[in-house]
């Protein structure tokens, strides 16, 4: 045990590499399913891209540009919808906070009219 401690104190880079290795292993086990999914999606995209490249190599660059533009437009649209949803939800929440006070005022007015 003393020899291990002496070796680690003499070579601090070993402990640094060991810590990095352990962190990478932990991250791998945490994100293992995501890594598998990412590799499968990447493989499918490469297969589809290869098929289209071999089918019509002249139009491949144009199709890639069109796909990127379509993806960018979809992303922008989703972002705008999320922003509008957040804004509308915030306004609705602010209006919802006023409702109990309005109901209390209506109840007090009805009690006064009823003579209570």
PDB file of N, CA and C in Angstrom:
ATOM      1  N   UNK A   1       0.823  -1.188   0.000  1.00  0.00           N
ATOM      2  CA  UNK A   1       0.000   0.000   0.000  1.00  0.00           C
ATOM      3  C   UNK A   1       0.866   1.250   0.000  1.00  0.00           C
ATOM      4  N   UNK A   2       1.937   1.216   0.752  1.00  0.00           N
ATOM      5  CA  UNK A   2       2.836   2.366   0.797  1.00  0.00           C
ATOM      6  C   UNK A   2       3.487   2.616  -0.554  1.00  0.00           C
ATOM      7  N   UNK A   3       3.779   1.556  -1.289  1.00  0.00           N
ATOM      8  CA  UNK A   3       4.404   1.735  -2.598  1.00  0.00           C
ATOM      9  C   UNK A   3       3.450   2.396  -3.580  1.00  0.00           C
ATOM     10  N   UNK A   4       2.168   2.072  -3.478  1.00  0.00           N
ATOM     11  CA  UNK A   4       1.173   2.696  -4.355  1.00  0.00           C
ATOM     12  C   UNK A   4       1.059   4.176  -4.039  1.00  0.00           C
ATOM     13  N   UNK A   5       0.986   4.513  -2.780  1.00  0.00           N
ATOM     14  CA  UNK A   5       0.887   5.914  -2.372  1.00  0.00           C
ATOM     15  C   UNK A   5       2.145   6.684  -2.782  1.00  0.00           C
ATOM     16  N   UNK A   6       3.315   6.084  -2.601  1.00  0.00           N
ATOM     17  CA  UNK A   6       4.564   6.737  -3.009  1.00  0.00           C
ATOM     18  C   UNK A   6       4.614   6.940  -4.519  1.00  0.00           C
ATOM     19  N   UNK A   7       4.127   5.952  -5.288  1.00  0.00           N
ATOM     20  CA  UNK A   7       4.131   6.068  -6.745  1.00  0.00           C
ATOM     21  C   UNK A   7       3.199   7.187  -7.202  1.00  0.00           C
ATOM     22  N   UNK A   8       1.999   7.254  -6.589  1.00  0.00           N
ATOM     23  CA  UNK A   8       1.029   8.295  -6.961  1.00  0.00           C
ATOM     24  C   UNK A   8       1.547   9.683  -6.574  1.00  0.00           C
ATOM     25  N   UNK A   9       2.188   9.792  -5.416  1.00  0.00           N
ATOM     26  CA  UNK A   9       2.713  11.101  -5.010  1.00  0.00           C
ATOM     27  C   UNK A   9       3.899  11.501  -5.884  1.00  0.00           C
ATOM     28  N   UNK A  10       4.637  10.544  -6.400  1.00  0.00           N
ATOM     29  CA  UNK A  10       5.768  10.858  -7.274  1.00  0.00           C
ATOM     30  C   UNK A  10       5.305  11.177  -8.695  1.00  0.00           C
ATOM     31  N   UNK A  11       4.158  10.626  -9.100  1.00  0.00           N
ATOM     32  CA  UNK A  11       3.634  10.824 -10.450  1.00  0.00           C
ATOM     33  C   UNK A  11       2.179  11.312 -10.372  1.00  0.00           C
ATOM     34  N   UNK A  12       1.940  12.597 -10.171  1.00  0.00           N
ATOM     35  CA  UNK A  12       0.559  13.093 -10.031  1.00  0.00           C
ATOM     36  C   UNK A  12      -0.249  13.005 -11.333  1.00  0.00           C
ATOM     37  N   UNK A  13       0.422  12.884 -12.458  1.00  0.00           N
ATOM     38  CA  UNK A  13      -0.323  12.781 -13.716  1.00  0.00           C
ATOM     39  C   UNK A  13      -1.093  11.463 -13.793  1.00  0.00           C
ATOM     40  N   UNK A  14      -0.623  10.446 -13.106  1.00  0.00           N
ATOM     41  CA  UNK A  14      -1.313   9.155 -13.108  1.00  0.00           C
ATOM     42  C   UNK A  14      -2.687   9.282 -12.454  1.00  0.00           C
ATOM     43  N   UNK A  15      -2.749   9.969 -11.334  1.00  0.00           N
ATOM     44  CA  UNK A  15      -4.037  10.139 -10.656  1.00  0.00           C
ATOM     45  C   UNK A  15      -4.974  11.006 -11.506  1.00  0.00           C
ATOM     46  N   UNK A  16      -4.427  11.997 -12.205  1.00  0.00           N
ATOM     47  CA  UNK A  16      -5.248  12.830 -13.079  1.00  0.00           C
ATOM     48  C   UNK A  16      -5.836  11.995 -14.211  1.00  0.00           C
ATOM     49  N   UNK A  17      -5.028  11.169 -14.835  1.00  0.00           N
ATOM     50  CA  UNK A  17      -5.522  10.300 -15.904  1.00  0.00           C
ATOM     51  C   UNK A  17      -6.542   9.293 -15.371  1.00  0.00           C
ATOM     52  N   UNK A  18      -6.334   8.795 -14.182  1.00  0.00           N
ATOM     53  CA  UNK A  18      -7.276   7.858 -13.576  1.00  0.00           C
ATOM     54  C   UNK A  18      -8.625   8.524 -13.319  1.00  0.00           C
ATOM     55  N   UNK A  19      -8.590   9.742 -12.817  1.00  0.00           N
ATOM     56  CA  UNK A  19      -9.840  10.473 -12.555  1.00  0.00           C
ATOM     57  C   UNK A  19     -10.563  10.747 -13.870  1.00  0.00           C
ATOM     58  N   UNK A  20      -9.850  11.165 -14.901  1.00  0.00           N
ATOM     59  CA  UNK A  20     -10.470  11.425 -16.204  1.00  0.00           C
ATOM     60  C   UNK A  20     -11.076  10.141 -16.756  1.00  0.00           C
ATOM     61  N   UNK A  21     -10.367   9.039 -16.635  1.00  0.00           N
ATOM     62  CA  UNK A  21     -10.872   7.754 -17.104  1.00  0.00           C
ATOM     63  C   UNK A  21     -12.159   7.364 -16.370  1.00  0.00           C
ATOM     64  N   UNK A  22     -12.188   7.534 -15.067  1.00  0.00           N
ATOM     65  CA  UNK A  22     -13.377   7.190 -14.278  1.00  0.00           C
ATOM     66  C   UNK A  22     -14.552   8.082 -14.673  1.00  0.00           C
ATOM     67  N   UNK A  23     -14.302   9.366 -14.889  1.00  0.00           N
ATOM     68  CA  UNK A  23     -15.374  10.278 -15.293  1.00  0.00           C
ATOM     69  C   UNK A  23     -15.925   9.883 -16.658  1.00  0.00           C
ATOM     70  N   UNK A  24     -15.051   9.535 -17.587  1.00  0.00           N
ATOM     71  CA  UNK A  24     -15.509   9.111 -18.911  1.00  0.00           C
ATOM     72  C   UNK A  24     -16.340   7.838 -18.819  1.00  0.00           C
ATOM     73  N   UNK A  25     -15.903   6.900 -18.017  1.00  0.00           N
ATOM     74  CA  UNK A  25     -16.654   5.650 -17.842  1.00  0.00           C
ATOM     75  C   UNK A  25     -18.031   5.939 -17.221  1.00  0.00           C
ATOM     76  N   UNK A  26     -18.083   6.802 -16.225  1.00  0.00           N
ATOM     77  CA  UNK A  26     -19.369   7.154 -15.605  1.00  0.00           C
ATOM     78  C   UNK A  26     -20.293   7.832 -16.608  1.00  0.00           C
ATOM     79  N   UNK A  27     -19.752   8.769 -17.379  1.00  0.00           N
ATOM     80  CA  UNK A  27     -20.568   9.431 -18.391  1.00  0.00           C
ATOM     81  C   UNK A  27     -21.056   8.449 -19.445  1.00  0.00           C
ATOM     82  N   UNK A  28     -20.210   7.498 -19.787  1.00  0.00           N
ATOM     83  CA  UNK A  28     -20.621   6.493 -20.757  1.00  0.00           C
ATOM     84  C   UNK A  28     -21.817   5.692 -20.233  1.00  0.00           C
ATOM     85  N   UNK A  29     -21.749   5.252 -18.991  1.00  0.00           N
ATOM     86  CA  UNK A  29     -22.862   4.474 -18.449  1.00  0.00           C
ATOM     87  C   UNK A  29     -24.119   5.309 -18.286  1.00  0.00           C
ATOM     88  N   UNK A  30     -23.957   6.585 -18.008  1.00  0.00           N
ATOM     89  CA  UNK A  30     -25.126   7.448 -17.874  1.00  0.00           C
ATOM     90  C   UNK A  30     -25.783   7.677 -19.226  1.00  0.00           C
ATOM     91  N   UNK A  31     -24.965   7.951 -20.251  1.00  0.00           N
ATOM     92  CA  UNK A  31     -25.499   8.295 -21.562  1.00  0.00           C
ATOM     93  C   UNK A  31     -25.423   7.143 -22.569  1.00  0.00           C
ATOM     94  N   UNK A  32     -25.317   5.919 -22.101  1.00  0.00           N
ATOM     95  CA  UNK A  32     -25.143   4.771 -22.980  1.00  0.00           C
ATOM     96  C   UNK A  32     -26.294   4.649 -23.975  1.00  0.00           C
ATOM     97  N   UNK A  33     -27.511   4.792 -23.518  1.00  0.00           N
ATOM     98  CA  UNK A  33     -28.657   4.668 -24.411  1.00  0.00           C
ATOM     99  C   UNK A  33     -28.671   5.792 -25.447  1.00  0.00           C
ATOM    100  N   UNK A  34     -28.300   6.999 -25.017  1.00  0.00           N
ATOM    101  CA  UNK A  34     -28.267   8.116 -25.954  1.00  0.00           C
ATOM    102  C   UNK A  34     -27.180   7.927 -27.002  1.00  0.00           C
ATOM    103  N   UNK A  35     -26.063   7.376 -26.592  1.00  0.00           N
ATOM    104  CA  UNK A  35     -24.970   7.138 -27.531  1.00  0.00           C
ATOM    105  C   UNK A  35     -25.390   6.097 -28.559  1.00  0.00           C
ATOM    106  N   UNK A  36     -26.054   5.039 -28.114  1.00  0.00           N
ATOM    107  CA  UNK A  36     -26.526   4.018 -29.051  1.00  0.00           C
ATOM    108  C   UNK A  36     -27.531   4.613 -30.034  1.00  0.00           C
ATOM    109  N   UNK A  37     -28.463   5.403 -29.537  1.00  0.00           N
ATOM    110  CA  UNK A  37     -29.450   6.029 -30.400  1.00  0.00           C
ATOM    111  C   UNK A  37     -28.785   6.968 -31.393  1.00  0.00           C
ATOM    112  N   UNK A  38     -27.826   7.753 -30.926  1.00  0.00           N
ATOM    113  CA  UNK A  38     -27.113   8.673 -31.799  1.00  0.00           C
ATOM    114  C   UNK A  38     -26.350   7.923 -32.891  1.00  0.00           C
ATOM    115  N   UNK A  39     -25.711   6.824 -32.532  1.00  0.00           N
ATOM    116  CA  UNK A  39     -24.985   6.038 -33.527  1.00  0.00           C
ATOM    117  C   UNK A  39     -25.931   5.417 -34.555  1.00  0.00           C
ATOM    118  N   UNK A  40     -27.088   4.951 -34.120  1.00  0.00           N
ATOM    119  CA  UNK A  40     -28.062   4.373 -35.045  1.00  0.00           C
ATOM    120  C   UNK A  40     -28.591   5.431 -36.001  1.00  0.00           C
ATOM    121  N   UNK A  41     -28.944   6.603 -35.471  1.00  0.00           N
ATOM    122  CA  UNK A  41     -29.448   7.690 -36.313  1.00  0.00           C
ATOM    123  C   UNK A  41     -28.368   8.134 -37.292  1.00  0.00           C
ATOM    124  N   UNK A  42     -27.127   8.251 -36.820  1.00  0.00           N
ATOM    125  CA  UNK A  42     -26.025   8.643 -37.693  1.00  0.00           C
ATOM    126  C   UNK A  42     -25.814   7.611 -38.801  1.00  0.00           C
ATOM    127  N   UNK A  43     -25.891   6.337 -38.458  1.00  0.00           N
ATOM    128  CA  UNK A  43     -25.742   5.282 -39.459  1.00  0.00           C
ATOM    129  C   UNK A  43     -26.850   5.365 -40.506  1.00  0.00           C
ATOM    130  N   UNK A  44     -28.093   5.575 -40.067  1.00  0.00           N
ATOM    131  CA  UNK A  44     -29.218   5.668 -40.998  1.00  0.00           C
ATOM    132  C   UNK A  44     -29.050   6.876 -41.910  1.00  0.00           C
ATOM    133  N   UNK A  45     -28.652   8.019 -41.340  1.00  0.00           N
ATOM    134  CA  UNK A  45     -28.447   9.214 -42.158  1.00  0.00           C
ATOM    135  C   UNK A  45     -27.348   9.001 -43.189  1.00  0.00           C
ATOM    136  N   UNK A  46     -26.281   8.345 -42.794  1.00  0.00           N
ATOM    137  CA  UNK A  46     -25.191   8.083 -43.735  1.00  0.00           C
ATOM    138  C   UNK A  46     -25.647   7.112 -44.830  1.00  0.00           C
ATOM    139  N   UNK A  47     -26.436   6.104 -44.466  1.00  0.00           N
ATOM    140  CA  UNK A  47     -26.930   5.156 -45.468  1.00  0.00           C
ATOM    141  C   UNK A  47     -27.853   5.840 -46.467  1.00  0.00           C
ATOM    142  N   UNK A  48     -28.765   6.663 -45.978  1.00  0.00           N
ATOM    143  CA  UNK A  48     -29.685   7.379 -46.869  1.00  0.00           C
ATOM    144  C   UNK A  48     -28.908   8.364 -47.738  1.00  0.00           C
ATOM    145  N   UNK A  49     -27.973   9.076 -47.144  1.00  0.00           N
ATOM    146  CA  UNK A  49     -27.154  10.008 -47.925  1.00  0.00           C
ATOM    147  C   UNK A  49     -26.324   9.298 -48.972  1.00  0.00           C
ATOM    148  N   UNK A  50     -25.766   8.145 -48.628  1.00  0.00           N
ATOM    149  CA  UNK A  50     -24.994   7.375 -49.597  1.00  0.00           C
ATOM    150  C   UNK A  50     -25.860   6.872 -50.738  1.00  0.00           C
ATOM    151  N   UNK A  51     -27.057   6.432 -50.413  1.00  0.00           N
ATOM    152  CA  UNK A  51     -27.980   5.972 -51.453  1.00  0.00           C
ATOM    153  C   UNK A  51     -28.283   7.093 -52.436  1.00  0.00           C
ATOM    154  N   UNK A  52     -28.617   8.269 -51.907  1.00  0.00           N
ATOM    155  CA  UNK A  52     -28.935   9.391 -52.783  1.00  0.00           C
ATOM    156  C   UNK A  52     -27.711   9.864 -53.551  1.00  0.00           C
ATOM    157  N   UNK A  53     -26.538   9.787 -52.960  1.00  0.00           N
ATOM    158  CA  UNK A  53     -25.325  10.205 -53.661  1.00  0.00           C
ATOM    159  C   UNK A  53     -25.030   9.276 -54.828  1.00  0.00           C
ATOM    160  N   UNK A  54     -25.177   7.972 -54.622  1.00  0.00           N
ATOM    161  CA  UNK A  54     -24.909   7.036 -55.704  1.00  0.00           C
ATOM    162  C   UNK A  54     -26.008   7.050 -56.761  1.00  0.00           C
ATOM    163  N   UNK A  55     -27.213   7.404 -56.357  1.00  0.00           N
ATOM    164  CA  UNK A  55     -28.322   7.437 -57.299  1.00  0.00           C
ATOM    165  C   UNK A  55     -28.175   8.618 -58.259  1.00  0.00           C
ATOM    166  N   UNK A  56     -27.964   9.820 -57.708  1.00  0.00           N
ATOM    167  CA  UNK A  56     -27.810  11.017 -58.533  1.00  0.00           C
ATOM    168  C   UNK A  56     -26.752  11.915 -57.904  1.00  0.00           C
ATOM    169  N   UNK A  57     -25.469  11.707 -58.223  1.00  0.00           N
ATOM    170  CA  UNK A  57     -24.407  12.501 -57.591  1.00  0.00           C
ATOM    171  C   UNK A  57     -24.430  13.982 -57.960  1.00  0.00           C
ATOM    172  N   UNK A  58     -25.049  14.324 -59.100  1.00  0.00           N
ATOM    173  CA  UNK A  58     -25.073  15.729 -59.518  1.00  0.00           C
ATOM    174  C   UNK A  58     -25.968  16.581 -58.623  1.00  0.00           C
ATOM    175  N   UNK A  59     -27.052  16.008 -58.143  1.00  0.00           N
ATOM    176  CA  UNK A  59     -28.036  16.772 -57.369  1.00  0.00           C
ATOM    177  C   UNK A  59     -27.836  16.666 -55.859  1.00  0.00           C
ATOM    178  N   UNK A  60     -26.821  15.951 -55.409  1.00  0.00           N
ATOM    179  CA  UNK A  60     -26.642  15.708 -53.980  1.00  0.00           C
ATOM    180  C   UNK A  60     -26.397  17.002 -53.210  1.00  0.00           C
ATOM    181  N   UNK A  61     -25.518  17.855 -53.705  1.00  0.00           N
ATOM    182  CA  UNK A  61     -25.218  19.115 -53.010  1.00  0.00           C
ATOM    183  C   UNK A  61     -26.460  19.994 -52.929  1.00  0.00           C
ATOM    184  N   UNK A  62     -27.232  20.014 -54.007  1.00  0.00           N
ATOM    185  CA  UNK A  62     -28.459  20.821 -54.012  1.00  0.00           C
ATOM    186  C   UNK A  62     -29.481  20.285 -53.005  1.00  0.00           C
ATOM    187  N   UNK A  63     -29.590  18.974 -52.923  1.00  0.00           N
ATOM    188  CA  UNK A  63     -30.526  18.364 -51.982  1.00  0.00           C
ATOM    189  C   UNK A  63     -30.096  18.593 -50.536  1.00  0.00           C
ATOM    190  N   UNK A  64     -28.803  18.529 -50.289  1.00  0.00           N
ATOM    191  CA  UNK A  64     -28.311  18.783 -48.936  1.00  0.00           C
ATOM    192  C   UNK A  64     -28.619  20.210 -48.529  1.00  0.00           C
ATOM    193  N   UNK A  65     -28.387  21.161 -49.442  1.00  0.00           N
ATOM    194  CA  UNK A  65     -28.680  22.565 -49.141  1.00  0.00           C
ATOM    195  C   UNK A  65     -30.171  22.760 -48.896  1.00  0.00           C
ATOM    196  N   UNK A  66     -31.003  22.112 -49.713  1.00  0.00           N
ATOM    197  CA  UNK A  66     -32.447  22.219 -49.538  1.00  0.00           C
ATOM    198  C   UNK A  66     -32.882  21.613 -48.199  1.00  0.00           C
ATOM    199  N   UNK A  67     -32.299  20.489 -47.827  1.00  0.00           N
ATOM    200  CA  UNK A  67     -32.638  19.856 -46.550  1.00  0.00           C
ATOM    201  C   UNK A  67     -32.233  20.739 -45.370  1.00  0.00           C
ATOM    202  N   UNK A  68     -31.063  21.352 -45.467  1.00  0.00           N
ATOM    203  CA  UNK A  68     -30.606  22.248 -44.395  1.00  0.00           C
ATOM    204  C   UNK A  68     -31.527  23.451 -44.283  1.00  0.00           C
ATOM    205  N   UNK A  69     -31.931  24.013 -45.432  1.00  0.00           N
ATOM    206  CA  UNK A  69     -32.846  25.160 -45.402  1.00  0.00           C
ATOM    207  C   UNK A  69     -34.199  24.778 -44.807  1.00  0.00           C
ATOM    208  N   UNK A  70     -34.693  23.607 -45.169  1.00  0.00           N
ATOM    209  CA  UNK A  70     -35.965  23.133 -44.619  1.00  0.00           C
ATOM    210  C   UNK A  70     -35.861  22.923 -43.110  1.00  0.00           C
ATOM    211  N   UNK A  71     -34.769  22.314 -42.683  1.00  0.00           N
ATOM    212  CA  UNK A  71     -34.553  22.084 -41.254  1.00  0.00           C
ATOM    213  C   UNK A  71     -34.457  23.418 -40.507  1.00  0.00           C
ATOM    214  N   UNK A  72     -33.744  24.380 -41.078  1.00  0.00           N
ATOM    215  CA  UNK A  72     -33.600  25.699 -40.442  1.00  0.00           C
ATOM    216  C   UNK A  72     -34.952  26.397 -40.334  1.00  0.00           C
ATOM    217  N   UNK A  73     -35.766  26.322 -41.386  1.00  0.00           N
ATOM    218  CA  UNK A  73     -37.091  26.952 -41.351  1.00  0.00           C
ATOM    219  C   UNK A  73     -37.976  26.280 -40.295  1.00  0.00           C
ATOM    220  N   UNK A  74     -37.924  24.959 -40.215  1.00  0.00           N
ATOM    221  CA  UNK A  74     -38.714  24.246 -39.201  1.00  0.00           C
ATOM    222  C   UNK A  74     -38.269  24.602 -37.797  1.00  0.00           C
ATOM    223  N   UNK A  75     -36.956  24.702 -37.598  1.00  0.00           N
ATOM    224  CA  UNK A  75     -36.431  25.062 -36.282  1.00  0.00           C
ATOM    225  C   UNK A  75     -36.868  26.467 -35.891  1.00  0.00           C
ATOM    226  N   UNK A  76     -36.802  27.398 -36.834  1.00  0.00           N
ATOM    227  CA  UNK A  76     -37.239  28.770 -36.549  1.00  0.00           C
ATOM    228  C   UNK A  76     -38.724  28.817 -36.210  1.00  0.00           C
ATOM    229  N   UNK A  77     -39.528  28.043 -36.936  1.00  0.00           N
ATOM    230  CA  UNK A  77     -40.965  28.025 -36.678  1.00  0.00           C
ATOM    231  C   UNK A  77     -41.276  27.452 -35.292  1.00  0.00           C
ATOM    232  N   UNK A  78     -40.608  26.377 -34.941  1.00  0.00           N
ATOM    233  CA  UNK A  78     -40.823  25.778 -33.617  1.00  0.00           C
ATOM    234  C   UNK A  78     -40.387  26.740 -32.519  1.00  0.00           C
ATOM    235  N   UNK A  79     -39.266  27.432 -32.726  1.00  0.00           N
ATOM    236  CA  UNK A  79     -38.785  28.406 -31.740  1.00  0.00           C
ATOM    237  C   UNK A  79     -39.800  29.527 -31.553  1.00  0.00           C
ATOM    238  N   UNK A  80     -40.326  30.038 -32.654  1.00  0.00           N
ATOM    239  CA  UNK A  80     -41.327  31.110 -32.557  1.00  0.00           C
ATOM    240  C   UNK A  80     -42.598  30.636 -31.857  1.00  0.00           C
ATOM    241  N   UNK A  81     -43.030  29.408 -32.151  1.00  0.00           N
ATOM    242  CA  UNK A  81     -44.231  28.889 -31.491  1.00  0.00           C
ATOM    243  C   UNK A  81     -44.007  28.715 -29.991  1.00  0.00           C
ATOM    244  N   UNK A  82     -42.821  28.271 -29.619  1.00  0.00           N
ATOM    245  CA  UNK A  82     -42.517  28.107 -28.188  1.00  0.00           C
ATOM    246  C   UNK A  82     -42.488  29.462 -27.484  1.00  0.00           C
ATOM    247  N   UNK A  83     -41.903  30.465 -28.139  1.00  0.00           N
ATOM    248  CA  UNK A  83     -41.873  31.805 -27.547  1.00  0.00           C
ATOM    249  C   UNK A  83     -43.278  32.359 -27.389  1.00  0.00           C
ATOM    250  N   UNK A  84     -44.121  32.188 -28.416  1.00  0.00           N
ATOM    251  CA  UNK A  84     -45.501  32.668 -28.333  1.00  0.00           C
ATOM    252  C   UNK A  84     -46.283  31.914 -27.268  1.00  0.00           C
ATOM    253  N   UNK A  85     -46.063  30.619 -27.157  1.00  0.00           N
ATOM    254  CA  UNK A  85     -46.733  29.824 -26.125  1.00  0.00           C
ATOM    255  C   UNK A  85     -46.348  30.322 -24.741  1.00  0.00           C
ATOM    256  N   UNK A  86     -45.054  30.591 -24.535  1.00  0.00           N
ATOM    257  CA  UNK A  86     -44.594  31.087 -23.238  1.00  0.00           C
ATOM    258  C   UNK A  86     -45.219  32.439 -22.930  1.00  0.00           C
ATOM    259  N   UNK A  87     -45.242  33.327 -23.919  1.00  0.00           N
ATOM    260  CA  UNK A  87     -45.808  34.661 -23.725  1.00  0.00           C
ATOM    261  C   UNK A  87     -47.301  34.562 -23.405  1.00  0.00           C
ATOM    262  N   UNK A  88     -48.035  33.736 -24.154  1.00  0.00           N
ATOM    263  CA  UNK A  88     -49.472  33.587 -23.915  1.00  0.00           C
ATOM    264  C   UNK A  88     -49.757  32.965 -22.552  1.00  0.00           C
ATOM    265  N   UNK A  89     -48.951  31.982 -22.167  1.00  0.00           N
ATOM    266  CA  UNK A  89     -49.133  31.348 -20.863  1.00  0.00           C
ATOM    267  C   UNK A  89     -48.869  32.342 -19.740  1.00  0.00           C
ATOM    268  N   UNK A  90     -47.868  33.179 -19.917  1.00  0.00           N
ATOM    269  CA  UNK A  90     -47.557  34.188 -18.899  1.00  0.00           C
ATOM    270  C   UNK A  90     -48.704  35.188 -18.764  1.00  0.00           C
ATOM    271  N   UNK A  91     -49.250  35.627 -19.898  1.00  0.00           N
ATOM    272  CA  UNK A  91     -50.379  36.559 -19.853  1.00  0.00           C
ATOM    273  C   UNK A  91     -51.599  35.905 -19.198  1.00  0.00           C
ATOM    274  N   UNK A  92     -51.861  34.664 -19.541  1.00  0.00           N
ATOM    275  CA  UNK A  92     -52.995  33.954 -18.955  1.00  0.00           C
ATOM    276  C   UNK A  92     -52.820  33.791 -17.450  1.00  0.00           C
ATOM    277  N   UNK A  93     -51.601  33.496 -17.011  1.00  0.00           N
ATOM    278  CA  UNK A  93     -51.333  33.370 -15.581  1.00  0.00           C
ATOM    279  C   UNK A  93     -51.555  34.704 -14.871  1.00  0.00           C
ATOM    280  N   UNK A  94     -51.102  35.796 -15.471  1.00  0.00           N
ATOM    281  CA  UNK A  94     -51.306  37.119 -14.869  1.00  0.00           C
ATOM    282  C   UNK A  94     -52.789  37.462 -14.783  1.00  0.00           C
ATOM    283  N   UNK A  95     -53.554  37.111 -15.800  1.00  0.00           N
ATOM    284  CA  UNK A  95     -54.998  37.359 -15.751  1.00  0.00           C
ATOM    285  C   UNK A  95     -55.673  36.445 -14.724  1.00  0.00           C
ATOM    286  N   UNK A  96     -55.162  35.239 -14.578  1.00  0.00           N
ATOM    287  CA  UNK A  96     -55.717  34.301 -13.609  1.00  0.00           C
ATOM    288  C   UNK A  96     -55.509  34.758 -12.180  1.00  0.00           C
ATOM    289  N   UNK A  97     -54.446  35.513 -11.939  1.00  0.00           N
ATOM    290  CA  UNK A  97     -54.223  36.041 -10.585  1.00  0.00           C
ATOM    291  C   UNK A  97     -55.253  37.099 -10.217  1.00  0.00           C
ATOM    292  N   UNK A  98     -55.809  37.792 -11.200  1.00  0.00           N
ATOM    293  CA  UNK A  98     -56.797  38.846 -10.939  1.00  0.00           C
ATOM    294  C   UNK A  98     -58.188  38.284 -10.676  1.00  0.00           C
ATOM    295  N   UNK A  99     -58.471  37.082 -11.127  1.00  0.00           N
ATOM    296  CA  UNK A  99     -59.824  36.509 -11.043  1.00  0.00           C
ATOM    297  C   UNK A  99     -60.335  36.393  -9.608  1.00  0.00           C
ATOM    298  N   UNK A 100     -59.574  35.877  -8.626  1.00  0.00           N
ATOM    299  CA  UNK A 100     -60.132  35.782  -7.267  1.00  0.00           C
ATOM    300  C   UNK A 100     -60.552  37.139  -6.695  1.00  0.00           C
ATOM    301  N   UNK A 101     -59.787  38.188  -6.980  1.00  0.00           N
ATOM    302  CA  UNK A 101     -60.155  39.522  -6.497  1.00  0.00           C
ATOM    303  C   UNK A 101     -61.434  40.013  -7.141  1.00  0.00           C
ATOM    304  N   UNK A 102     -61.591  39.737  -8.447  1.00  0.00           N
ATOM    305  CA  UNK A 102     -62.815  40.137  -9.144  1.00  0.00           C
ATOM    306  C   UNK A 102     -64.027  39.381  -8.601  1.00  0.00           C
ATOM    307  N   UNK A 103     -63.856  38.110  -8.308  1.00  0.00           N
ATOM    308  CA  UNK A 103     -64.962  37.322  -7.768  1.00  0.00           C
ATOM    309  C   UNK A 103     -65.355  37.833  -6.384  1.00  0.00           C
ATOM    310  N   UNK A 104     -64.367  38.184  -5.557  1.00  0.00           N
ATOM    311  CA  UNK A 104     -64.669  38.719  -4.230  1.00  0.00           C
ATOM    312  C   UNK A 104     -65.431  40.039  -4.344  1.00  0.00           C
ATOM    313  N   UNK A 105     -65.047  40.890  -5.278  1.00  0.00           N
ATOM    314  CA  UNK A 105     -65.754  42.160  -5.462  1.00  0.00           C
ATOM    315  C   UNK A 105     -67.195  41.916  -5.905  1.00  0.00           C
ATOM    316  N   UNK A 106     -67.383  40.950  -6.817  1.00  0.00           N
ATOM    317  CA  UNK A 106     -68.741  40.645  -7.267  1.00  0.00           C
ATOM    318  C   UNK A 106     -69.583  40.090  -6.121  1.00  0.00           C
ATOM    319  N   UNK A 107     -69.000  39.254  -5.283  1.00  0.00           N
ATOM    320  CA  UNK A 107     -69.730  38.713  -4.144  1.00  0.00           C
ATOM    321  C   UNK A 107     -70.089  39.805  -3.140  1.00  0.00           C
ATOM    322  N   UNK A 108     -69.178  40.738  -2.901  1.00  0.00           N
ATOM    323  CA  UNK A 108     -69.465  41.832  -1.971  1.00  0.00           C
ATOM    324  C   UNK A 108     -70.570  42.727  -2.527  1.00  0.00           C
ATOM    325  N   UNK A 109     -70.508  42.985  -3.849  1.00  0.00           N
ATOM    326  CA  UNK A 109     -71.564  43.802  -4.457  1.00  0.00           C
ATOM    327  C   UNK A 109     -72.916  43.108  -4.358  1.00  0.00           C
ATOM    328  N   UNK A 110     -72.957  41.798  -4.579  1.00  0.00           N
ATOM    329  CA  UNK A 110     -74.228  41.074  -4.503  1.00  0.00           C
ATOM    330  C   UNK A 110     -74.735  41.018  -3.060  1.00  0.00           C
ATOM    331  N   UNK A 111     -73.810  40.901  -2.084  1.00  0.00           N
ATOM    332  CA  UNK A 111     -74.226  40.920  -0.672  1.00  0.00           C
ATOM    333  C   UNK A 111     -74.801  42.286  -0.304  1.00  0.00           C
ATOM    334  N   UNK A 112     -74.209  43.368  -0.802  1.00  0.00           N
ATOM    335  CA  UNK A 112     -74.724  44.695  -0.508  1.00  0.00           C
ATOM    336  C   UNK A 112     -76.090  44.906  -1.128  1.00  0.00           C
ATOM    337  N   UNK A 113     -76.284  44.391  -2.340  1.00  0.00           N
ATOM    338  CA  UNK A 113     -77.576  44.541  -3.013  1.00  0.00           C
ATOM    339  C   UNK A 113     -78.651  43.704  -2.317  1.00  0.00           C
ATOM    340  N   UNK A 114     -78.224  42.573  -1.752  1.00  0.00           N
ATOM    341  CA  UNK A 114     -79.192  41.707  -1.066  1.00  0.00           C
ATOM    342  C   UNK A 114     -79.492  42.227   0.340  1.00  0.00           C
ATOM    343  N   UNK A 115     -78.728  43.195   0.812  1.00  0.00           N
ATOM    344  CA  UNK A 115     -78.985  43.786   2.114  1.00  0.00           C
ATOM    345  C   UNK A 115     -78.324  43.042   3.248  1.00  0.00           C
ATOM    346  N   UNK A 116     -77.283  42.313   2.991  1.00  0.00           N
ATOM    347  CA  UNK A 116     -76.611  41.578   4.058  1.00  0.00           C
ATOM    348  C   UNK A 116     -75.511  42.376   4.643  1.00  0.00           C
TER     349      UNK A 116
END
